[in-house]
């Protein structure tokens, strides 16, 4: 039960190395005899994935352009009268 995890960097999003996935699997095997710790570890993995996915969506969001309308000054209004 692995999801594709990615790590956010300053320059963008970097795919998680296979070494890290193997390390997570090793930790799970060590914690199998400690259900409370294994449960906490799984929750930590879920939270981490959620945060990374939120960061990814923020990085992809398009920024709105702030276009201000041309405003007239009072002097030019008087010239039109």
N, C-alpha and C. Protein backbone atom coordinates (compact mmCIF):
# COMPACT_ATOMS: atom_id res chain seq x y z
N UNK A 1 0.84 -1.19 0.00
CA UNK A 1 0.00 0.00 0.00
C UNK A 1 0.89 1.24 0.00
N UNK A 2 1.44 1.56 -1.14
CA UNK A 2 2.28 2.73 -1.28
C UNK A 2 1.62 3.73 -2.20
N UNK A 3 1.74 4.96 -1.85
CA UNK A 3 1.30 6.00 -2.77
C UNK A 3 2.56 6.66 -3.31
N UNK A 4 2.42 7.29 -4.45
CA UNK A 4 3.56 7.99 -5.02
C UNK A 4 3.77 9.24 -4.18
N UNK A 5 4.85 9.26 -3.42
CA UNK A 5 5.13 10.40 -2.58
C UNK A 5 6.16 11.27 -3.28
N UNK A 6 6.00 12.54 -3.13
CA UNK A 6 6.96 13.46 -3.70
C UNK A 6 7.36 14.45 -2.63
N UNK A 7 8.50 15.04 -2.84
CA UNK A 7 9.04 15.97 -1.86
C UNK A 7 9.14 17.33 -2.52
N UNK A 8 8.69 18.35 -1.82
CA UNK A 8 8.72 19.70 -2.36
C UNK A 8 10.10 20.30 -2.13
N UNK A 9 10.61 20.96 -3.16
CA UNK A 9 11.88 21.65 -3.04
C UNK A 9 11.67 23.09 -3.47
N UNK A 10 12.68 23.91 -3.29
CA UNK A 10 12.56 25.32 -3.67
C UNK A 10 12.31 25.45 -5.16
N UNK A 11 12.94 24.62 -5.97
CA UNK A 11 12.81 24.71 -7.41
C UNK A 11 11.60 24.00 -7.96
N UNK A 12 10.89 23.22 -7.18
CA UNK A 12 9.74 22.50 -7.68
C UNK A 12 9.49 21.24 -6.87
N UNK A 13 8.90 20.23 -7.51
CA UNK A 13 8.57 18.99 -6.82
C UNK A 13 9.49 17.90 -7.33
N UNK A 14 10.04 17.14 -6.41
CA UNK A 14 11.01 16.11 -6.74
C UNK A 14 10.42 14.75 -6.39
N UNK A 15 10.53 13.77 -7.29
CA UNK A 15 10.01 12.43 -7.01
C UNK A 15 10.80 11.80 -5.88
N UNK A 16 10.10 11.03 -5.07
CA UNK A 16 10.73 10.35 -3.95
C UNK A 16 11.61 9.21 -4.47
N UNK A 17 12.79 9.10 -3.94
CA UNK A 17 13.75 8.08 -4.35
C UNK A 17 13.28 6.70 -3.88
N UNK A 18 13.55 5.67 -4.68
CA UNK A 18 13.18 4.29 -4.33
C UNK A 18 13.82 3.86 -3.02
N UNK A 19 14.99 4.42 -2.71
CA UNK A 19 15.66 4.09 -1.44
C UNK A 19 14.79 4.49 -0.25
N UNK A 20 14.09 5.60 -0.37
CA UNK A 20 13.22 6.05 0.71
C UNK A 20 12.02 5.11 0.88
N UNK A 21 11.50 4.61 -0.23
CA UNK A 21 10.37 3.68 -0.16
C UNK A 21 10.81 2.38 0.51
N UNK A 22 11.99 1.90 0.17
CA UNK A 22 12.52 0.69 0.80
C UNK A 22 12.74 0.92 2.29
N UNK A 23 13.22 2.11 2.65
CA UNK A 23 13.44 2.44 4.06
C UNK A 23 12.11 2.47 4.83
N UNK A 24 11.08 3.02 4.22
CA UNK A 24 9.76 3.04 4.85
C UNK A 24 9.27 1.62 5.07
N UNK A 25 9.49 0.74 4.08
CA UNK A 25 9.08 -0.65 4.21
C UNK A 25 9.83 -1.34 5.35
N UNK A 26 11.11 -1.05 5.49
CA UNK A 26 11.91 -1.62 6.59
C UNK A 26 11.37 -1.15 7.95
N UNK A 27 11.03 0.13 8.02
CA UNK A 27 10.48 0.66 9.28
C UNK A 27 9.18 -0.05 9.61
N UNK A 28 8.32 -0.26 8.60
CA UNK A 28 7.06 -0.98 8.83
C UNK A 28 7.32 -2.39 9.36
N UNK A 29 8.29 -3.08 8.80
CA UNK A 29 8.61 -4.43 9.25
C UNK A 29 9.11 -4.43 10.69
N UNK A 30 9.88 -3.43 11.06
CA UNK A 30 10.37 -3.32 12.44
C UNK A 30 9.23 -3.05 13.40
N UNK A 31 8.29 -2.22 12.97
CA UNK A 31 7.19 -1.81 13.85
C UNK A 31 6.03 -2.80 13.88
N UNK A 32 6.07 -3.85 13.09
CA UNK A 32 4.96 -4.79 13.00
C UNK A 32 4.61 -5.40 14.37
N UNK A 33 5.60 -5.54 15.23
CA UNK A 33 5.36 -6.10 16.57
C UNK A 33 4.94 -5.04 17.58
N UNK A 34 4.83 -3.80 17.13
CA UNK A 34 4.42 -2.69 17.99
C UNK A 34 3.26 -1.95 17.30
N UNK A 35 2.06 -2.49 17.42
CA UNK A 35 0.92 -1.95 16.66
C UNK A 35 0.65 -0.46 16.89
N UNK A 36 0.85 0.01 18.11
CA UNK A 36 0.62 1.44 18.38
C UNK A 36 1.61 2.31 17.61
N UNK A 37 2.88 1.91 17.63
CA UNK A 37 3.90 2.66 16.91
C UNK A 37 3.69 2.57 15.40
N UNK A 38 3.32 1.39 14.92
CA UNK A 38 3.06 1.21 13.49
C UNK A 38 1.89 2.09 13.06
N UNK A 39 0.87 2.14 13.88
CA UNK A 39 -0.29 2.99 13.58
C UNK A 39 0.11 4.46 13.52
N UNK A 40 0.92 4.89 14.46
CA UNK A 40 1.38 6.28 14.46
C UNK A 40 2.24 6.57 13.23
N UNK A 41 3.07 5.62 12.85
CA UNK A 41 3.91 5.77 11.67
C UNK A 41 3.05 5.90 10.41
N UNK A 42 2.03 5.06 10.29
CA UNK A 42 1.13 5.12 9.13
C UNK A 42 0.39 6.45 9.07
N UNK A 43 -0.04 6.93 10.22
CA UNK A 43 -0.71 8.25 10.28
C UNK A 43 0.24 9.34 9.84
N UNK A 44 1.50 9.24 10.28
CA UNK A 44 2.50 10.23 9.89
C UNK A 44 2.72 10.22 8.38
N UNK A 45 2.74 9.05 7.78
CA UNK A 45 2.90 8.93 6.33
C UNK A 45 1.71 9.57 5.61
N UNK A 46 0.51 9.33 6.09
CA UNK A 46 -0.70 9.90 5.49
C UNK A 46 -0.68 11.43 5.58
N UNK A 47 -0.34 11.95 6.75
CA UNK A 47 -0.28 13.40 6.94
C UNK A 47 0.77 14.02 6.02
N UNK A 48 1.91 13.37 5.94
CA UNK A 48 2.99 13.87 5.06
C UNK A 48 2.54 13.90 3.61
N UNK A 49 1.90 12.83 3.15
CA UNK A 49 1.40 12.79 1.78
C UNK A 49 0.38 13.90 1.53
N UNK A 50 -0.51 14.11 2.47
CA UNK A 50 -1.53 15.16 2.31
C UNK A 50 -0.88 16.54 2.21
N UNK A 51 0.08 16.81 3.06
CA UNK A 51 0.75 18.11 3.01
C UNK A 51 1.52 18.31 1.71
N UNK A 52 2.18 17.26 1.26
CA UNK A 52 2.92 17.37 0.00
C UNK A 52 1.95 17.62 -1.15
N UNK A 53 0.82 16.92 -1.16
CA UNK A 53 -0.16 17.13 -2.22
C UNK A 53 -0.75 18.53 -2.18
N UNK A 54 -0.96 19.07 -0.98
CA UNK A 54 -1.45 20.45 -0.87
C UNK A 54 -0.42 21.43 -1.40
N UNK A 55 0.85 21.20 -1.09
CA UNK A 55 1.91 22.08 -1.60
C UNK A 55 1.97 22.01 -3.12
N UNK A 56 1.79 20.81 -3.68
CA UNK A 56 1.80 20.65 -5.13
C UNK A 56 0.68 21.45 -5.77
N UNK A 57 -0.51 21.40 -5.17
CA UNK A 57 -1.64 22.12 -5.77
C UNK A 57 -1.44 23.63 -5.66
N UNK A 58 -0.80 24.09 -4.60
CA UNK A 58 -0.52 25.52 -4.45
C UNK A 58 0.50 25.96 -5.49
N UNK A 59 1.49 25.12 -5.75
CA UNK A 59 2.50 25.46 -6.75
C UNK A 59 1.89 25.55 -8.14
N UNK A 60 0.86 24.75 -8.41
CA UNK A 60 0.24 24.72 -9.73
C UNK A 60 -0.82 25.81 -9.91
N UNK A 61 -1.28 26.41 -8.82
CA UNK A 61 -2.35 27.41 -8.92
C UNK A 61 -1.88 28.61 -9.74
N UNK A 62 -2.78 29.08 -10.58
CA UNK A 62 -2.48 30.23 -11.40
C UNK A 62 -2.80 31.50 -10.61
N UNK A 63 -1.94 32.46 -10.68
CA UNK A 63 -2.17 33.71 -9.96
C UNK A 63 -3.01 34.64 -10.82
N UNK A 64 -3.96 35.29 -10.17
CA UNK A 64 -4.80 36.26 -10.88
C UNK A 64 -4.01 37.53 -11.15
N UNK A 65 -4.28 38.12 -12.29
CA UNK A 65 -3.65 39.40 -12.60
C UNK A 65 -4.48 40.50 -11.97
N UNK A 66 -3.81 41.43 -11.36
CA UNK A 66 -4.48 42.56 -10.73
C UNK A 66 -4.50 43.70 -11.75
N UNK A 67 -5.63 43.86 -12.41
CA UNK A 67 -5.78 44.91 -13.42
C UNK A 67 -6.63 46.02 -12.81
N UNK A 68 -6.02 47.17 -12.69
CA UNK A 68 -6.75 48.30 -12.12
C UNK A 68 -7.31 49.15 -13.25
N UNK A 69 -8.55 49.62 -13.11
CA UNK A 69 -9.14 50.45 -14.16
C UNK A 69 -8.48 51.83 -14.20
N UNK A 70 -8.55 52.45 -15.37
CA UNK A 70 -8.04 53.81 -15.49
C UNK A 70 -8.99 54.75 -14.76
N UNK A 71 -8.47 55.46 -13.83
CA UNK A 71 -9.27 56.40 -13.05
C UNK A 71 -8.98 57.82 -13.54
N UNK A 72 -10.03 58.60 -13.61
CA UNK A 72 -9.82 59.97 -14.05
C UNK A 72 -9.53 60.86 -12.85
N UNK A 73 -8.72 61.88 -13.08
CA UNK A 73 -8.48 62.84 -12.01
C UNK A 73 -9.54 63.94 -12.11
N UNK A 74 -9.73 64.72 -11.12
CA UNK A 74 -10.78 65.72 -11.09
C UNK A 74 -10.56 66.83 -12.13
N UNK A 75 -9.33 67.16 -12.42
CA UNK A 75 -9.04 68.23 -13.37
C UNK A 75 -9.57 67.89 -14.76
N UNK A 76 -9.39 66.67 -15.23
CA UNK A 76 -9.85 66.31 -16.57
C UNK A 76 -11.37 66.24 -16.61
N UNK A 77 -12.05 65.99 -15.49
CA UNK A 77 -13.51 65.98 -15.47
C UNK A 77 -14.05 67.38 -15.71
N UNK A 78 -13.38 68.38 -15.19
CA UNK A 78 -13.82 69.77 -15.35
C UNK A 78 -13.64 70.23 -16.79
N UNK A 79 -12.64 69.72 -17.48
CA UNK A 79 -12.42 70.11 -18.87
C UNK A 79 -13.52 69.62 -19.78
N UNK A 80 -14.15 68.50 -19.44
CA UNK A 80 -15.21 67.93 -20.27
C UNK A 80 -16.50 68.72 -20.17
N UNK A 81 -16.68 69.53 -19.16
CA UNK A 81 -17.93 70.26 -18.96
C UNK A 81 -18.01 71.48 -19.82
